[in-house]
Amino acid sequence: MKNTDTEILEIVELANGDIALRRPDSEKDPLVSIRFSDESRHFLGKIRPLIAKAMIEAGIQAVQDLREGPWEENFEDSDFDEEDLEEELKQELEQLENSKPISKAVLH
């Protein structure tokens, strides 16, 4: 169930300072927006757009990983059971929540 279609999206800074993912020349609300607190803006300074970009990329990767999970073959089965999919997703999320972080960073 891989989608080979590509769509052009852009990451922009909005007038209110939010970083957003949107379709080019779209008048609609952005697909995703990230708002940093004043404290975070001060701390991150000029790298704030790079951090937002990394966050958006991580979210896109997570969606792709979840879509390509072991439950994907269920979509093609004629006896597809939505409850099975929900249970598989729940277990996957619990596993992610219980996994230890690779490293910890303390912000000063």
C-alpha atoms as a PDB file:
ATOM      1  CA  MET A   1       0.000   0.000   0.000  1.00  0.00           C
ATOM      2  CA  LYS A   2       2.785   2.378  -0.878  1.00  0.00           C
ATOM      3  CA  ASN A   3       1.839   5.657  -2.452  1.00  0.00           C
ATOM      4  CA  THR A   4       4.316   6.602  -5.157  1.00  0.00           C
ATOM      5  CA  ASP A   5       2.686   9.958  -5.821  1.00  0.00           C
ATOM      6  CA  THR A   6       4.718  12.925  -4.701  1.00  0.00           C
ATOM      7  CA  GLU A   7       3.388  16.211  -3.519  1.00  0.00           C
ATOM      8  CA  ILE A   8       5.340  19.425  -3.179  1.00  0.00           C
ATOM      9  CA  LEU A   9       5.060  20.983   0.263  1.00  0.00           C
ATOM     10  CA  GLU A  10       6.897  23.928   1.761  1.00  0.00           C
ATOM     11  CA  ILE A  11       7.991  24.890   5.240  1.00  0.00           C
ATOM     12  CA  VAL A  12       7.456  28.587   5.878  1.00  0.00           C
ATOM     13  CA  GLU A  13       7.448  31.060   8.720  1.00  0.00           C
ATOM     14  CA  LEU A  14       4.033  32.658   9.091  1.00  0.00           C
ATOM     15  CA  ALA A  15       3.426  36.308   9.962  1.00  0.00           C
ATOM     16  CA  ASN A  16       2.692  35.330  13.588  1.00  0.00           C
ATOM     17  CA  GLY A  17       6.076  33.556  13.898  1.00  0.00           C
ATOM     18  CA  ASP A  18       4.737  29.999  13.658  1.00  0.00           C
ATOM     19  CA  ILE A  19       6.579  27.568  11.403  1.00  0.00           C
ATOM     20  CA  ALA A  20       4.158  25.818   9.038  1.00  0.00           C
ATOM     21  CA  LEU A  21       4.008  23.017   6.511  1.00  0.00           C
ATOM     22  CA  ARG A  22       1.716  23.883   3.621  1.00  0.00           C
ATOM     23  CA  ARG A  23       1.069  23.441  -0.049  1.00  0.00           C
ATOM     24  CA  PRO A  24       2.697  26.177  -2.129  1.00  0.00           C
ATOM     25  CA  ASP A  25       0.405  29.127  -2.920  1.00  0.00           C
ATOM     26  CA  SER A  26      -2.364  27.697  -0.730  1.00  0.00           C
ATOM     27  CA  GLU A  27      -4.859  30.026   0.886  1.00  0.00           C
ATOM     28  CA  LYS A  28      -6.054  27.263   3.226  1.00  0.00           C
ATOM     29  CA  ASP A  29      -4.828  26.617   6.753  1.00  0.00           C
ATOM     30  CA  PRO A  30      -1.400  24.947   6.871  1.00  0.00           C
ATOM     31  CA  LEU A  31      -1.253  21.170   7.140  1.00  0.00           C
ATOM     32  CA  VAL A  32       0.878  21.488  10.283  1.00  0.00           C
ATOM     33  CA  SER A  33       2.059  24.453  12.297  1.00  0.00           C
ATOM     34  CA  ILE A  34       4.532  24.646  15.145  1.00  0.00           C
ATOM     35  CA  ARG A  35       4.376  27.412  17.717  1.00  0.00           C
ATOM     36  CA  PHE A  36       7.322  27.977  20.030  1.00  0.00           C
ATOM     37  CA  SER A  37       6.902  29.791  23.335  1.00  0.00           C
ATOM     38  CA  ASP A  38       8.719  33.087  23.841  1.00  0.00           C
ATOM     39  CA  GLU A  39      11.181  31.271  26.092  1.00  0.00           C
ATOM     40  CA  SER A  40      11.863  28.672  23.393  1.00  0.00           C
ATOM     41  CA  ARG A  41      12.228  31.356  20.720  1.00  0.00           C
ATOM     42  CA  HIS A  42      14.805  33.131  22.850  1.00  0.00           C
ATOM     43  CA  PHE A  43      16.684  29.907  23.609  1.00  0.00           C
ATOM     44  CA  LEU A  44      16.695  28.606  20.013  1.00  0.00           C
ATOM     45  CA  GLY A  45      17.311  31.912  18.281  1.00  0.00           C
ATOM     46  CA  LYS A  46      18.199  31.553  14.596  1.00  0.00           C
ATOM     47  CA  ILE A  47      18.073  27.745  14.624  1.00  0.00           C
ATOM     48  CA  ARG A  48      14.331  27.712  15.416  1.00  0.00           C
ATOM     49  CA  PRO A  49      13.340  27.047  11.751  1.00  0.00           C
ATOM     50  CA  LEU A  50      15.821  24.160  11.571  1.00  0.00           C
ATOM     51  CA  ILE A  51      14.369  22.614  14.733  1.00  0.00           C
ATOM     52  CA  ALA A  52      10.833  22.978  13.364  1.00  0.00           C
ATOM     53  CA  LYS A  53      11.932  21.373  10.079  1.00  0.00           C
ATOM     54  CA  ALA A  54      13.433  18.422  11.984  1.00  0.00           C
ATOM     55  CA  MET A  55      10.196  18.062  13.963  1.00  0.00           C
ATOM     56  CA  ILE A  56       8.099  18.057  10.785  1.00  0.00           C
ATOM     57  CA  GLU A  57      10.405  15.544   9.087  1.00  0.00           C
ATOM     58  CA  ALA A  58      10.227  13.264  12.151  1.00  0.00           C
ATOM     59  CA  GLY A  59       6.427  13.432  12.049  1.00  0.00           C
ATOM     60  CA  ILE A  60       6.341  12.555   8.354  1.00  0.00           C
ATOM     61  CA  GLN A  61       8.714   9.637   8.953  1.00  0.00           C
ATOM     62  CA  ALA A  62       6.558   8.389  11.832  1.00  0.00           C
ATOM     63  CA  VAL A  63       3.474   8.425   9.610  1.00  0.00           C
ATOM     64  CA  GLN A  64       5.320   6.494   6.908  1.00  0.00           C
ATOM     65  CA  ASP A  65       6.607   3.951   9.423  1.00  0.00           C
ATOM     66  CA  LEU A  66       3.146   3.424  10.901  1.00  0.00           C
ATOM     67  CA  ARG A  67       1.575   3.072   7.459  1.00  0.00           C
ATOM     68  CA  GLU A  68       4.147   0.461   6.471  1.00  0.00           C
ATOM     69  CA  GLY A  69       3.785  -1.504   9.707  1.00  0.00           C
ATOM     70  CA  PRO A  70       2.939  -5.198   9.980  1.00  0.00           C
ATOM     71  CA  TRP A  71      -0.809  -4.448   9.786  1.00  0.00           C
ATOM     72  CA  GLU A  72      -0.593  -3.040   6.237  1.00  0.00           C
ATOM     73  CA  GLU A  73      -1.470  -6.375   4.641  1.00  0.00           C
ATOM     74  CA  ASN A  74      -4.806  -6.242   6.518  1.00  0.00           C
ATOM     75  CA  PHE A  75      -5.962  -3.453   4.232  1.00  0.00           C
ATOM     76  CA  GLU A  76      -5.863  -5.761   1.245  1.00  0.00           C
ATOM     77  CA  ASP A  77      -7.698  -8.632   2.962  1.00  0.00           C
ATOM     78  CA  SER A  78     -11.382  -8.910   2.228  1.00  0.00           C
ATOM     79  CA  ASP A  79     -12.060  -9.720   5.886  1.00  0.00           C
ATOM     80  CA  PHE A  80     -10.302  -6.598   7.176  1.00  0.00           C
ATOM     81  CA  ASP A  81     -11.172  -5.886  10.800  1.00  0.00           C
ATOM     82  CA  GLU A  82     -10.748  -2.300  11.971  1.00  0.00           C
ATOM     83  CA  GLU A  83     -10.536  -3.433  15.614  1.00  0.00           C
ATOM     84  CA  ASP A  84      -7.466  -5.543  14.760  1.00  0.00           C
ATOM     85  CA  LEU A  85      -5.803  -2.506  13.212  1.00  0.00           C
ATOM     86  CA  GLU A  86      -6.590  -0.368  16.250  1.00  0.00           C
ATOM     87  CA  GLU A  87      -5.134  -3.027  18.555  1.00  0.00           C
ATOM     88  CA  GLU A  88      -1.964  -3.282  16.434  1.00  0.00           C
ATOM     89  CA  LEU A  89      -1.561   0.517  16.465  1.00  0.00           C
ATOM     90  CA  LYS A  90      -2.153   0.623  20.220  1.00  0.00           C
ATOM     91  CA  GLN A  91       0.542  -1.993  20.805  1.00  0.00           C
ATOM     92  CA  GLU A  92       2.974  -0.162  18.522  1.00  0.00           C
ATOM     93  CA  LEU A  93       2.399   3.139  20.356  1.00  0.00           C
ATOM     94  CA  GLU A  94       2.811   1.451  23.754  1.00  0.00           C
ATOM     95  CA  GLN A  95       6.091  -0.027  22.562  1.00  0.00           C
ATOM     96  CA  LEU A  96       7.277   3.424  21.464  1.00  0.00           C
ATOM     97  CA  GLU A  97       6.228   4.976  24.776  1.00  0.00           C
ATOM     98  CA  ASN A  98       8.062   2.290  26.762  1.00  0.00           C
ATOM     99  CA  SER A  99      11.268   2.469  24.769  1.00  0.00           C
ATOM    100  CA  LYS A 100      14.175   4.289  26.339  1.00  0.00           C
ATOM    101  CA  PRO A 101      15.407   7.479  24.687  1.00  0.00           C
ATOM    102  CA  ILE A 102      18.731   7.209  22.879  1.00  0.00           C
ATOM    103  CA  SER A 103      20.108  10.142  24.820  1.00  0.00           C
ATOM    104  CA  LYS A 104      18.881  12.816  27.163  1.00  0.00           C
ATOM    105  CA  ALA A 105      19.654  16.503  26.845  1.00  0.00           C
ATOM    106  CA  VAL A 106      19.337  19.004  29.617  1.00  0.00           C
ATOM    107  CA  LEU A 107      18.595  22.542  28.509  1.00  0.00           C
ATOM    108  CA  HIS A 108      20.115  25.285  30.649  1.00  0.00           C
END
